[in-house]
């Protein structure tokens, strides 16, 4: 699966290692679009997780504590609290 620009996307069946310091990472975007890995079973809203990780092609985390759909800043929230 790839995004319009060709970002390779991989889905995994467990938390992601080697991306950040948390043991419960559910999504990672390496190199601003070089590779994305998603643990869809680790969240309730897989579309939000995907939007968040693709958002990292352009944006860093916002100051929002939890991600959500109300704004681009909300999508880029630091955690999937839902």
Protein backbone atom coordinates (compact mmCIF):
# COMPACT_ATOMS: atom_id res chain seq x y z
CA UNK A 1 0.00 0.00 0.00
CA UNK A 2 1.34 3.47 -0.79
CA UNK A 3 0.27 7.07 -0.37
CA UNK A 4 0.00 9.27 -3.47
CA UNK A 5 3.68 10.22 -3.22
CA UNK A 6 4.77 6.63 -2.86
CA UNK A 7 5.14 6.29 0.92
CA UNK A 8 5.39 2.57 1.72
CA UNK A 9 2.90 1.55 4.41
CA UNK A 10 3.13 -1.62 6.48
CA UNK A 11 0.62 -2.93 9.00
CA UNK A 12 1.85 -4.97 11.94
CA UNK A 13 0.20 -7.16 14.60
CA UNK A 14 2.07 -5.74 17.58
CA UNK A 15 3.41 -2.54 19.06
CA UNK A 16 6.18 -0.93 17.03
CA UNK A 17 9.74 -1.09 18.26
CA UNK A 18 12.50 1.34 17.32
CA UNK A 19 10.29 4.42 17.12
CA UNK A 20 10.30 6.66 20.15
CA UNK A 21 10.75 5.73 23.80
CA UNK A 22 7.31 4.31 24.59
CA UNK A 23 6.76 0.54 24.69
CA UNK A 24 3.23 1.05 23.25
CA UNK A 25 3.86 2.83 19.93
CA UNK A 26 0.96 2.21 17.50
CA UNK A 27 2.19 4.23 14.51
CA UNK A 28 5.47 5.48 13.15
CA UNK A 29 6.55 7.58 10.17
CA UNK A 30 10.27 7.32 9.51
CA UNK A 31 12.01 10.04 7.54
CA UNK A 32 8.91 12.19 6.92
CA UNK A 33 7.36 9.76 4.50
CA UNK A 34 10.08 7.26 3.75
CA UNK A 35 8.20 4.48 5.58
CA UNK A 36 5.06 4.22 7.73
CA UNK A 37 4.15 1.34 10.06
CA UNK A 38 0.70 1.07 11.67
CA UNK A 39 -0.60 -1.19 14.45
CA UNK A 40 -4.30 -0.81 13.61
CA UNK A 41 -5.51 -3.22 16.32
CA UNK A 42 -3.90 -0.98 18.94
CA UNK A 43 -6.42 1.85 18.38
CA UNK A 44 -10.18 2.29 17.99
CA UNK A 45 -9.94 4.61 14.98
CA UNK A 46 -7.54 3.23 12.37
CA UNK A 47 -8.34 6.02 9.91
CA UNK A 48 -7.29 8.62 12.49
CA UNK A 49 -4.05 6.73 13.15
CA UNK A 50 -3.30 6.64 9.42
CA UNK A 51 -4.13 10.34 9.00
CA UNK A 52 -1.87 11.18 11.94
CA UNK A 53 1.07 9.20 10.58
CA UNK A 54 0.69 10.57 7.03
CA UNK A 55 0.47 14.02 8.64
CA UNK A 56 4.03 13.51 9.86
CA UNK A 57 5.14 13.89 6.23
CA UNK A 58 4.65 17.62 6.92
CA UNK A 59 3.92 18.21 10.61
CA UNK A 60 5.32 17.42 14.06
CA UNK A 61 3.09 16.57 17.03
CA UNK A 62 0.83 19.40 18.14
CA UNK A 63 0.22 20.47 21.73
CA UNK A 64 -3.08 18.56 21.78
CA UNK A 65 -2.86 15.73 24.30
CA UNK A 66 -5.16 13.40 22.36
CA UNK A 67 -5.69 13.12 18.63
CA UNK A 68 -9.12 13.61 17.07
CA UNK A 69 -10.87 14.86 13.94
CA UNK A 70 -11.85 18.46 14.83
CA UNK A 71 -8.82 20.20 13.27
CA UNK A 72 -5.40 19.48 11.74
CA UNK A 73 -3.84 20.31 15.13
CA UNK A 74 -6.16 17.79 16.76
CA UNK A 75 -5.22 15.08 14.23
CA UNK A 76 -1.58 15.67 15.13
CA UNK A 77 -2.22 15.22 18.87
CA UNK A 78 0.41 13.19 20.67
CA UNK A 79 -1.68 10.21 21.74
CA UNK A 80 -4.63 8.17 20.55
CA UNK A 81 -6.80 8.49 23.65
CA UNK A 82 -10.02 7.20 22.09
